[in-house]
């Protein structure tokens, strides 16, 4: 259960990170609210998961998932470059996240 919550919290990290960028310094209400709610839910899930998963592993998985999803969103919808090397490095992060799960 902790791993499922951890993965969902990583997804929510990507939500709040993206909303933070769209909030334009908290001047836009809807993205600012999405940021706040996403942040609280993401941190709550991370805290729950860290009761079972070691902190180093849990944090690395949470950040890795959030980083890959945030970068992927930016490449698909925000016009960020998506070169082969960048895609390979993002795949490497996912591989490392999976490896951390397997070694737990």
PDB file of N, CA and C in Angstrom:
ATOM      1  N   UNK A   1       0.818  -1.200   0.000  1.00  0.00           N
ATOM      2  CA  UNK A   1       0.000   0.000   0.000  1.00  0.00           C
ATOM      3  C   UNK A   1       0.864   1.268   0.000  1.00  0.00           C
ATOM      4  N   UNK A   2       1.956   1.237   0.782  1.00  0.00           N
ATOM      5  CA  UNK A   2       2.824   2.413   0.866  1.00  0.00           C
ATOM      6  C   UNK A   2       3.415   2.761  -0.494  1.00  0.00           C
ATOM      7  N   UNK A   3       3.763   1.755  -1.290  1.00  0.00           N
ATOM      8  CA  UNK A   3       4.350   2.028  -2.598  1.00  0.00           C
ATOM      9  C   UNK A   3       3.333   2.633  -3.553  1.00  0.00           C
ATOM     10  N   UNK A   4       2.099   2.187  -3.481  1.00  0.00           N
ATOM     11  CA  UNK A   4       1.050   2.765  -4.329  1.00  0.00           C
ATOM     12  C   UNK A   4       0.845   4.235  -3.965  1.00  0.00           C
ATOM     13  N   UNK A   5       0.770   4.518  -2.676  1.00  0.00           N
ATOM     14  CA  UNK A   5       0.616   5.898  -2.210  1.00  0.00           C
ATOM     15  C   UNK A   5       1.829   6.730  -2.621  1.00  0.00           C
ATOM     16  N   UNK A   6       3.015   6.149  -2.538  1.00  0.00           N
ATOM     17  CA  UNK A   6       4.236   6.863  -2.923  1.00  0.00           C
ATOM     18  C   UNK A   6       4.208   7.237  -4.402  1.00  0.00           C
ATOM     19  N   UNK A   7       3.808   6.320  -5.246  1.00  0.00           N
ATOM     20  CA  UNK A   7       3.730   6.610  -6.685  1.00  0.00           C
ATOM     21  C   UNK A   7       2.681   7.689  -6.957  1.00  0.00           C
ATOM     22  N   UNK A   8       1.518   7.571  -6.318  1.00  0.00           N
ATOM     23  CA  UNK A   8       0.478   8.605  -6.496  1.00  0.00           C
ATOM     24  C   UNK A   8       0.973   9.960  -6.007  1.00  0.00           C
ATOM     25  N   UNK A   9       1.744   9.975  -4.939  1.00  0.00           N
ATOM     26  CA  UNK A   9       2.299  11.228  -4.420  1.00  0.00           C
ATOM     27  C   UNK A   9       3.313  11.816  -5.389  1.00  0.00           C
ATOM     28  N   UNK A  10       4.072  10.953  -6.063  1.00  0.00           N
ATOM     29  CA  UNK A  10       4.995  11.416  -7.097  1.00  0.00           C
ATOM     30  C   UNK A  10       4.262  12.049  -8.261  1.00  0.00           C
ATOM     31  N   UNK A  11       3.123  11.463  -8.640  1.00  0.00           N
ATOM     32  CA  UNK A  11       2.293  12.050  -9.693  1.00  0.00           C
ATOM     33  C   UNK A  11       1.782  13.424  -9.247  1.00  0.00           C
ATOM     34  N   UNK A  12       1.356  13.507  -7.994  1.00  0.00           N
ATOM     35  CA  UNK A  12       0.878  14.791  -7.475  1.00  0.00           C
ATOM     36  C   UNK A  12       1.999  15.825  -7.385  1.00  0.00           C
ATOM     37  N   UNK A  13       3.229  15.359  -7.225  1.00  0.00           N
ATOM     38  CA  UNK A  13       4.347  16.303  -7.248  1.00  0.00           C
ATOM     39  C   UNK A  13       4.428  16.981  -8.611  1.00  0.00           C
ATOM     40  N   UNK A  14       4.232  16.201  -9.671  1.00  0.00           N
ATOM     41  CA  UNK A  14       4.243  16.776 -11.014  1.00  0.00           C
ATOM     42  C   UNK A  14       3.084  17.758 -11.194  1.00  0.00           C
ATOM     43  N   UNK A  15       1.938  17.452 -10.587  1.00  0.00           N
ATOM     44  CA  UNK A  15       0.784  18.352 -10.672  1.00  0.00           C
ATOM     45  C   UNK A  15       1.108  19.684 -10.015  1.00  0.00           C
ATOM     46  N   UNK A  16       1.618  19.640  -8.771  1.00  0.00           N
ATOM     47  CA  UNK A  16       1.865  20.925  -8.100  1.00  0.00           C
ATOM     48  C   UNK A  16       3.026  21.688  -8.726  1.00  0.00           C
ATOM     49  N   UNK A  17       4.035  20.973  -9.237  1.00  0.00           N
ATOM     50  CA  UNK A  17       5.155  21.669  -9.876  1.00  0.00           C
ATOM     51  C   UNK A  17       4.698  22.385 -11.144  1.00  0.00           C
ATOM     52  N   UNK A  18       3.862  21.713 -11.925  1.00  0.00           N
ATOM     53  CA  UNK A  18       3.331  22.322 -13.140  1.00  0.00           C
ATOM     54  C   UNK A  18       2.423  23.501 -12.795  1.00  0.00           C
ATOM     55  N   UNK A  19       1.567  23.320 -11.801  1.00  0.00           N
ATOM     56  CA  UNK A  19       0.665  24.401 -11.387  1.00  0.00           C
ATOM     57  C   UNK A  19       1.454  25.599 -10.859  1.00  0.00           C
ATOM     58  N   UNK A  20       2.565  25.338 -10.180  1.00  0.00           N
ATOM     59  CA  UNK A  20       3.394  26.432  -9.677  1.00  0.00           C
ATOM     60  C   UNK A  20       3.884  27.300 -10.829  1.00  0.00           C
ATOM     61  N   UNK A  21       4.334  26.664 -11.893  1.00  0.00           N
ATOM     62  CA  UNK A  21       4.772  27.418 -13.059  1.00  0.00           C
ATOM     63  C   UNK A  21       3.653  28.211 -13.702  1.00  0.00           C
ATOM     64  N   UNK A  22       2.467  27.621 -13.735  1.00  0.00           N
ATOM     65  CA  UNK A  22       1.323  28.288 -14.354  1.00  0.00           C
ATOM     66  C   UNK A  22       0.701  29.362 -13.459  1.00  0.00           C
ATOM     67  N   UNK A  23       1.050  29.369 -12.172  1.00  0.00           N
ATOM     68  CA  UNK A  23       0.464  30.359 -11.258  1.00  0.00           C
ATOM     69  C   UNK A  23       1.030  31.757 -11.457  1.00  0.00           C
ATOM     70  N   UNK A  24       2.132  31.865 -12.185  1.00  0.00           N
ATOM     71  CA  UNK A  24       2.783  33.147 -12.453  1.00  0.00           C
ATOM     72  C   UNK A  24       3.008  33.928 -11.159  1.00  0.00           C
ATOM     73  N   UNK A  25       3.715  33.295 -10.243  1.00  0.00           N
ATOM     74  CA  UNK A  25       4.028  33.940  -8.968  1.00  0.00           C
ATOM     75  C   UNK A  25       2.811  34.095  -8.072  1.00  0.00           C
ATOM     76  N   UNK A  26       1.906  33.135  -8.146  1.00  0.00           N
ATOM     77  CA  UNK A  26       0.665  33.119  -7.356  1.00  0.00           C
ATOM     78  C   UNK A  26      -0.268  34.279  -7.697  1.00  0.00           C
ATOM     79  N   UNK A  27      -0.184  34.781  -8.923  1.00  0.00           N
ATOM     80  CA  UNK A  27      -1.079  35.848  -9.348  1.00  0.00           C
ATOM     81  C   UNK A  27      -2.314  35.303 -10.063  1.00  0.00           C
ATOM     82  N   UNK A  28      -2.307  34.034 -10.437  1.00  0.00           N
ATOM     83  CA  UNK A  28      -3.458  33.407 -11.087  1.00  0.00           C
ATOM     84  C   UNK A  28      -4.110  32.463 -10.072  1.00  0.00           C
ATOM     85  N   UNK A  29      -5.377  32.705  -9.735  1.00  0.00           N
ATOM     86  CA  UNK A  29      -6.029  31.964  -8.642  1.00  0.00           C
ATOM     87  C   UNK A  29      -6.134  30.448  -8.852  1.00  0.00           C
ATOM     88  N   UNK A  30      -6.630  29.995 -10.003  1.00  0.00           N
ATOM     89  CA  UNK A  30      -6.855  28.558 -10.179  1.00  0.00           C
ATOM     90  C   UNK A  30      -5.564  27.750 -10.102  1.00  0.00           C
ATOM     91  N   UNK A  31      -4.521  28.104 -10.849  1.00  0.00           N
ATOM     92  CA  UNK A  31      -3.284  27.339 -10.704  1.00  0.00           C
ATOM     93  C   UNK A  31      -2.695  27.433  -9.293  1.00  0.00           C
ATOM     94  N   UNK A  32      -2.906  28.549  -8.625  1.00  0.00           N
ATOM     95  CA  UNK A  32      -2.407  28.703  -7.252  1.00  0.00           C
ATOM     96  C   UNK A  32      -3.118  27.745  -6.301  1.00  0.00           C
ATOM     97  N   UNK A  33      -4.422  27.580  -6.490  1.00  0.00           N
ATOM     98  CA  UNK A  33      -5.188  26.640  -5.657  1.00  0.00           C
ATOM     99  C   UNK A  33      -4.776  25.208  -5.981  1.00  0.00           C
ATOM    100  N   UNK A  34      -4.635  24.887  -7.269  1.00  0.00           N
ATOM    101  CA  UNK A  34      -4.193  23.545  -7.660  1.00  0.00           C
ATOM    102  C   UNK A  34      -2.822  23.255  -7.055  1.00  0.00           C
ATOM    103  N   UNK A  35      -1.933  24.241  -7.077  1.00  0.00           N
ATOM    104  CA  UNK A  35      -0.618  24.083  -6.453  1.00  0.00           C
ATOM    105  C   UNK A  35      -0.765  23.737  -4.979  1.00  0.00           C
ATOM    106  N   UNK A  36      -1.539  24.516  -4.235  1.00  0.00           N
ATOM    107  CA  UNK A  36      -1.679  24.301  -2.798  1.00  0.00           C
ATOM    108  C   UNK A  36      -2.267  22.946  -2.457  1.00  0.00           C
ATOM    109  N   UNK A  37      -3.335  22.583  -3.136  1.00  0.00           N
ATOM    110  CA  UNK A  37      -3.984  21.294  -2.872  1.00  0.00           C
ATOM    111  C   UNK A  37      -3.054  20.145  -3.270  1.00  0.00           C
ATOM    112  N   UNK A  38      -2.439  20.260  -4.447  1.00  0.00           N
ATOM    113  CA  UNK A  38      -1.517  19.222  -4.896  1.00  0.00           C
ATOM    114  C   UNK A  38      -0.336  19.053  -3.960  1.00  0.00           C
ATOM    115  N   UNK A  39       0.196  20.165  -3.473  1.00  0.00           N
ATOM    116  CA  UNK A  39       1.337  20.120  -2.556  1.00  0.00           C
ATOM    117  C   UNK A  39       0.969  19.416  -1.255  1.00  0.00           C
ATOM    118  N   UNK A  40      -0.154  19.797  -0.676  1.00  0.00           N
ATOM    119  CA  UNK A  40      -0.578  19.186   0.592  1.00  0.00           C
ATOM    120  C   UNK A  40      -0.830  17.690   0.415  1.00  0.00           C
ATOM    121  N   UNK A  41      -1.541  17.315  -0.648  1.00  0.00           N
ATOM    122  CA  UNK A  41      -1.822  15.891  -0.875  1.00  0.00           C
ATOM    123  C   UNK A  41      -0.550  15.103  -1.167  1.00  0.00           C
ATOM    124  N   UNK A  42       0.348  15.694  -1.951  1.00  0.00           N
ATOM    125  CA  UNK A  42       1.599  15.024  -2.278  1.00  0.00           C
ATOM    126  C   UNK A  42       2.460  14.801  -1.031  1.00  0.00           C
ATOM    127  N   UNK A  43       2.583  15.829  -0.219  1.00  0.00           N
ATOM    128  CA  UNK A  43       3.385  15.705   1.005  1.00  0.00           C
ATOM    129  C   UNK A  43       2.749  14.746   2.006  1.00  0.00           C
ATOM    130  N   UNK A  44       1.429  14.774   2.088  1.00  0.00           N
ATOM    131  CA  UNK A  44       0.732  13.860   2.998  1.00  0.00           C
ATOM    132  C   UNK A  44       0.962  12.416   2.570  1.00  0.00           C
ATOM    133  N   UNK A  45       0.867  12.157   1.281  1.00  0.00           N
ATOM    134  CA  UNK A  45       1.125  10.814   0.775  1.00  0.00           C
ATOM    135  C   UNK A  45       2.565  10.393   0.993  1.00  0.00           C
ATOM    136  N   UNK A  46       3.494  11.310   0.765  1.00  0.00           N
ATOM    137  CA  UNK A  46       4.903  11.003   1.002  1.00  0.00           C
ATOM    138  C   UNK A  46       5.127  10.673   2.470  1.00  0.00           C
ATOM    139  N   UNK A  47       4.567  11.462   3.358  1.00  0.00           N
ATOM    140  CA  UNK A  47       4.714  11.211   4.796  1.00  0.00           C
ATOM    141  C   UNK A  47       4.150   9.846   5.178  1.00  0.00           C
ATOM    142  N   UNK A  48       3.001   9.495   4.609  1.00  0.00           N
ATOM    143  CA  UNK A  48       2.394   8.186   4.881  1.00  0.00           C
ATOM    144  C   UNK A  48       3.321   7.062   4.401  1.00  0.00           C
ATOM    145  N   UNK A  49       3.820   7.196   3.173  1.00  0.00           N
ATOM    146  CA  UNK A  49       4.674   6.150   2.605  1.00  0.00           C
ATOM    147  C   UNK A  49       5.970   5.993   3.386  1.00  0.00           C
ATOM    148  N   UNK A  50       6.507   7.103   3.901  1.00  0.00           N
ATOM    149  CA  UNK A  50       7.783   7.035   4.618  1.00  0.00           C
ATOM    150  C   UNK A  50       7.660   6.365   5.979  1.00  0.00           C
ATOM    151  N   UNK A  51       6.454   6.036   6.400  1.00  0.00           N
ATOM    152  CA  UNK A  51       6.297   5.237   7.621  1.00  0.00           C
ATOM    153  C   UNK A  51       6.769   3.815   7.376  1.00  0.00           C
ATOM    154  N   UNK A  52       6.743   3.371   6.108  1.00  0.00           N
ATOM    155  CA  UNK A  52       7.127   2.005   5.753  1.00  0.00           C
ATOM    156  C   UNK A  52       8.387   1.960   4.889  1.00  0.00           C
ATOM    157  N   UNK A  53       8.443   2.838   3.900  1.00  0.00           N
ATOM    158  CA  UNK A  53       9.561   2.873   2.952  1.00  0.00           C
ATOM    159  C   UNK A  53      10.691   3.707   3.556  1.00  0.00           C
ATOM    160  N   UNK A  54      11.942   3.252   3.451  1.00  0.00           N
ATOM    161  CA  UNK A  54      13.057   4.063   3.964  1.00  0.00           C
ATOM    162  C   UNK A  54      13.082   5.454   3.322  1.00  0.00           C
ATOM    163  N   UNK A  55      13.453   6.469   4.102  1.00  0.00           N
ATOM    164  CA  UNK A  55      13.354   7.854   3.655  1.00  0.00           C
ATOM    165  C   UNK A  55      14.177   8.118   2.391  1.00  0.00           C
ATOM    166  N   UNK A  56      15.380   7.603   2.309  1.00  0.00           N
ATOM    167  CA  UNK A  56      16.203   7.841   1.129  1.00  0.00           C
ATOM    168  C   UNK A  56      15.585   7.260  -0.129  1.00  0.00           C
ATOM    169  N   UNK A  57      15.103   6.052  -0.029  1.00  0.00           N
ATOM    170  CA  UNK A  57      14.463   5.385  -1.159  1.00  0.00           C
ATOM    171  C   UNK A  57      13.159   6.088  -1.526  1.00  0.00           C
ATOM    172  N   UNK A  58      12.335   6.353  -0.518  1.00  0.00           N
ATOM    173  CA  UNK A  58      11.041   6.979  -0.767  1.00  0.00           C
ATOM    174  C   UNK A  58      11.178   8.350  -1.399  1.00  0.00           C
ATOM    175  N   UNK A  59      12.089   9.145  -0.875  1.00  0.00           N
ATOM    176  CA  UNK A  59      12.263  10.492  -1.408  1.00  0.00           C
ATOM    177  C   UNK A  59      12.787  10.444  -2.842  1.00  0.00           C
ATOM    178  N   UNK A  60      13.743   9.556  -3.113  1.00  0.00           N
ATOM    179  CA  UNK A  60      14.290   9.439  -4.464  1.00  0.00           C
ATOM    180  C   UNK A  60      13.218   9.006  -5.461  1.00  0.00           C
ATOM    181  N   UNK A  61      12.372   8.073  -5.070  1.00  0.00           N
ATOM    182  CA  UNK A  61      11.291   7.616  -5.939  1.00  0.00           C
ATOM    183  C   UNK A  61      10.297   8.759  -6.175  1.00  0.00           C
ATOM    184  N   UNK A  62       9.920   9.455  -5.114  1.00  0.00           N
ATOM    185  CA  UNK A  62       8.962  10.561  -5.202  1.00  0.00           C
ATOM    186  C   UNK A  62       9.477  11.651  -6.140  1.00  0.00           C
ATOM    187  N   UNK A  63      10.713  12.058  -5.936  1.00  0.00           N
ATOM    188  CA  UNK A  63      11.308  13.102  -6.767  1.00  0.00           C
ATOM    189  C   UNK A  63      11.476  12.627  -8.211  1.00  0.00           C
ATOM    190  N   UNK A  64      11.918  11.388  -8.386  1.00  0.00           N
ATOM    191  CA  UNK A  64      12.127  10.859  -9.734  1.00  0.00           C
ATOM    192  C   UNK A  64      10.851  10.836 -10.546  1.00  0.00           C
ATOM    193  N   UNK A  65       9.786  10.326  -9.953  1.00  0.00           N
ATOM    194  CA  UNK A  65       8.498  10.286 -10.646  1.00  0.00           C
ATOM    195  C   UNK A  65       8.029  11.701 -10.969  1.00  0.00           C
ATOM    196  N   UNK A  66       8.103  12.580  -9.992  1.00  0.00           N
ATOM    197  CA  UNK A  66       7.674  13.959 -10.205  1.00  0.00           C
ATOM    198  C   UNK A  66       8.482  14.656 -11.292  1.00  0.00           C
ATOM    199  N   UNK A  67       9.782  14.455 -11.282  1.00  0.00           N
ATOM    200  CA  UNK A  67      10.646  15.111 -12.266  1.00  0.00           C
ATOM    201  C   UNK A  67      10.368  14.608 -13.681  1.00  0.00           C
ATOM    202  N   UNK A  68      10.247  13.306 -13.832  1.00  0.00           N
ATOM    203  CA  UNK A  68      10.005  12.743 -15.164  1.00  0.00           C
ATOM    204  C   UNK A  68       8.652  13.191 -15.695  1.00  0.00           C
ATOM    205  N   UNK A  69       7.630  13.137 -14.861  1.00  0.00           N
ATOM    206  CA  UNK A  69       6.301  13.541 -15.331  1.00  0.00           C
ATOM    207  C   UNK A  69       6.225  15.033 -15.623  1.00  0.00           C
ATOM    208  N   UNK A  70       6.869  15.844 -14.803  1.00  0.00           N
ATOM    209  CA  UNK A  70       6.868  17.291 -15.045  1.00  0.00           C
ATOM    210  C   UNK A  70       7.583  17.612 -16.356  1.00  0.00           C
ATOM    211  N   UNK A  71       8.731  17.000 -16.581  1.00  0.00           N
ATOM    212  CA  UNK A  71       9.475  17.232 -17.820  1.00  0.00           C
ATOM    213  C   UNK A  71       8.703  16.718 -19.036  1.00  0.00           C
ATOM    214  N   UNK A  72       8.063  15.563 -18.890  1.00  0.00           N
ATOM    215  CA  UNK A  72       7.285  15.003 -19.991  1.00  0.00           C
ATOM    216  C   UNK A  72       6.114  15.911 -20.348  1.00  0.00           C
ATOM    217  N   UNK A  73       5.415  16.395 -19.334  1.00  0.00           N
ATOM    218  CA  UNK A  73       4.307  17.331 -19.573  1.00  0.00           C
ATOM    219  C   UNK A  73       4.811  18.565 -20.325  1.00  0.00           C
ATOM    220  N   UNK A  74       5.931  19.105 -19.870  1.00  0.00           N
ATOM    221  CA  UNK A  74       6.474  20.309 -20.508  1.00  0.00           C
ATOM    222  C   UNK A  74       6.850  20.044 -21.966  1.00  0.00           C
ATOM    223  N   UNK A  75       7.369  18.871 -22.245  1.00  0.00           N
ATOM    224  CA  UNK A  75       7.730  18.544 -23.625  1.00  0.00           C
ATOM    225  C   UNK A  75       6.486  18.356 -24.496  1.00  0.00           C
ATOM    226  N   UNK A  76       5.447  17.747 -23.939  1.00  0.00           N
ATOM    227  CA  UNK A  76       4.242  17.467 -24.729  1.00  0.00           C
ATOM    228  C   UNK A  76       3.348  18.684 -24.918  1.00  0.00           C
ATOM    229  N   UNK A  77       3.256  19.525 -23.891  1.00  0.00           N
ATOM    230  CA  UNK A  77       2.247  20.585 -23.926  1.00  0.00           C
ATOM    231  C   UNK A  77       2.791  22.008 -23.841  1.00  0.00           C
ATOM    232  N   UNK A  78       4.044  22.164 -23.476  1.00  0.00           N
ATOM    233  CA  UNK A  78       4.593  23.504 -23.283  1.00  0.00           C
ATOM    234  C   UNK A  78       5.701  23.852 -24.276  1.00  0.00           C
ATOM    235  N   UNK A  79       5.977  22.965 -25.211  1.00  0.00           N
ATOM    236  CA  UNK A  79       6.963  23.254 -26.239  1.00  0.00           C
ATOM    237  C   UNK A  79       8.409  23.104 -25.813  1.00  0.00           C
ATOM    238  N   UNK A  80       8.655  22.450 -24.678  1.00  0.00           N
ATOM    239  CA  UNK A  80      10.038  22.215 -24.261  1.00  0.00           C
ATOM    240  C   UNK A  80      10.673  21.192 -25.203  1.00  0.00           C
ATOM    241  N   UNK A  81      11.960  21.356 -25.471  1.00  0.00           N
ATOM    242  CA  UNK A  81      12.643  20.454 -26.396  1.00  0.00           C
ATOM    243  C   UNK A  81      12.619  19.021 -25.864  1.00  0.00           C
ATOM    244  N   UNK A  82      12.587  18.080 -26.834  1.00  0.00           N
ATOM    245  CA  UNK A  82      12.526  16.659 -26.474  1.00  0.00           C
ATOM    246  C   UNK A  82      13.498  15.871 -27.334  1.00  0.00           C
ATOM    247  N   UNK A  83      14.773  16.182 -27.218  1.00  0.00           N
ATOM    248  CA  UNK A  83      15.776  15.479 -28.001  1.00  0.00           C
ATOM    249  C   UNK A  83      16.003  14.063 -27.506  1.00  0.00           C
ATOM    250  N   UNK A  84      16.658  13.261 -28.340  1.00  0.00           N
ATOM    251  CA  UNK A  84      16.909  11.867 -27.978  1.00  0.00           C
ATOM    252  C   UNK A  84      17.697  11.704 -26.678  1.00  0.00           C
ATOM    253  N   UNK A  85      18.696  12.538 -26.456  1.00  0.00           N
ATOM    254  CA  UNK A  85      19.485  12.428 -25.229  1.00  0.00           C
ATOM    255  C   UNK A  85      18.623  12.733 -24.006  1.00  0.00           C
ATOM    256  N   UNK A  86      17.804  13.760 -24.090  1.00  0.00           N
ATOM    257  CA  UNK A  86      16.928  14.120 -22.978  1.00  0.00           C
ATOM    258  C   UNK A  86      15.955  12.981 -22.669  1.00  0.00           C
ATOM    259  N   UNK A  87      15.368  12.398 -23.711  1.00  0.00           N
ATOM    260  CA  UNK A  87      14.441  11.282 -23.506  1.00  0.00           C
ATOM    261  C   UNK A  87      15.154  10.077 -22.897  1.00  0.00           C
ATOM    262  N   UNK A  88      16.363   9.821 -23.335  1.00  0.00           N
ATOM    263  CA  UNK A  88      17.138   8.711 -22.791  1.00  0.00           C
ATOM    264  C   UNK A  88      17.456   8.946 -21.309  1.00  0.00           C
ATOM    265  N   UNK A  89      17.814  10.163 -20.956  1.00  0.00           N
ATOM    266  CA  UNK A  89      18.122  10.468 -19.562  1.00  0.00           C
ATOM    267  C   UNK A  89      16.878  10.363 -18.676  1.00  0.00           C
ATOM    268  N   UNK A  90      15.729  10.804 -19.177  1.00  0.00           N
ATOM    269  CA  UNK A  90      14.486  10.653 -18.416  1.00  0.00           C
ATOM    270  C   UNK A  90      14.134   9.177 -18.246  1.00  0.00           C
ATOM    271  N   UNK A  91      14.353   8.381 -19.287  1.00  0.00           N
ATOM    272  CA  UNK A  91      14.137   6.934 -19.170  1.00  0.00           C
ATOM    273  C   UNK A  91      15.089   6.338 -18.137  1.00  0.00           C
ATOM    274  N   UNK A  92      16.300   6.870 -18.070  1.00  0.00           N
ATOM    275  CA  UNK A  92      17.253   6.416 -17.062  1.00  0.00           C
ATOM    276  C   UNK A  92      16.766   6.689 -15.652  1.00  0.00           C
ATOM    277  N   UNK A  93      16.149   7.841 -15.451  1.00  0.00           N
ATOM    278  CA  UNK A  93      15.580   8.147 -14.132  1.00  0.00           C
ATOM    279  C   UNK A  93      14.503   7.132 -13.781  1.00  0.00           C
ATOM    280  N   UNK A  94      13.633   6.842 -14.744  1.00  0.00           N
ATOM    281  CA  UNK A  94      12.579   5.840 -14.483  1.00  0.00           C
ATOM    282  C   UNK A  94      13.178   4.476 -14.172  1.00  0.00           C
ATOM    283  N   UNK A  95      14.237   4.115 -14.884  1.00  0.00           N
ATOM    284  CA  UNK A  95      14.917   2.845 -14.610  1.00  0.00           C
ATOM    285  C   UNK A  95      15.486   2.805 -13.207  1.00  0.00           C
ATOM    286  N   UNK A  96      16.045   3.911 -12.773  1.00  0.00           N
ATOM    287  CA  UNK A  96      16.602   3.983 -11.425  1.00  0.00           C
ATOM    288  C   UNK A  96      15.496   3.904 -10.370  1.00  0.00           C
ATOM    289  N   UNK A  97      14.369   4.547 -10.635  1.00  0.00           N
ATOM    290  CA  UNK A  97      13.234   4.473  -9.704  1.00  0.00           C
ATOM    291  C   UNK A  97      12.754   3.019  -9.583  1.00  0.00           C
ATOM    292  N   UNK A  98      12.623   2.344 -10.713  1.00  0.00           N
ATOM    293  CA  UNK A  98      12.214   0.937 -10.692  1.00  0.00           C
ATOM    294  C   UNK A  98      13.250   0.090  -9.945  1.00  0.00           C
ATOM    295  N   UNK A  99      14.526   0.382 -10.167  1.00  0.00           N
ATOM    296  CA  UNK A  99      15.577  -0.338  -9.471  1.00  0.00           C
ATOM    297  C   UNK A  99      15.513  -0.156  -7.959  1.00  0.00           C
ATOM    298  N   UNK A 100      15.194   1.047  -7.526  1.00  0.00           N
ATOM    299  CA  UNK A 100      15.055   1.298  -6.088  1.00  0.00           C
ATOM    300  C   UNK A 100      13.916   0.464  -5.497  1.00  0.00           C
ATOM    301  N   UNK A 101      12.841   0.330  -6.243  1.00  0.00           N
ATOM    302  CA  UNK A 101      11.714  -0.497  -5.779  1.00  0.00           C
ATOM    303  C   UNK A 101      12.151  -1.956  -5.692  1.00  0.00           C
ATOM    304  N   UNK A 102      12.877  -2.422  -6.691  1.00  0.00           N
ATOM    305  CA  UNK A 102      13.295  -3.817  -6.707  1.00  0.00           C
ATOM    306  C   UNK A 102      14.288  -4.158  -5.608  1.00  0.00           C
ATOM    307  N   UNK A 103      15.099  -3.194  -5.213  1.00  0.00           N
ATOM    308  CA  UNK A 103      16.086  -3.460  -4.168  1.00  0.00           C
ATOM    309  C   UNK A 103      15.541  -3.290  -2.767  1.00  0.00           C
ATOM    310  N   UNK A 104      14.321  -2.776  -2.655  1.00  0.00           N
ATOM    311  CA  UNK A 104      13.736  -2.548  -1.326  1.00  0.00           C
ATOM    312  C   UNK A 104      13.351  -3.864  -0.683  1.00  0.00           C
TER     313      UNK A 104
END
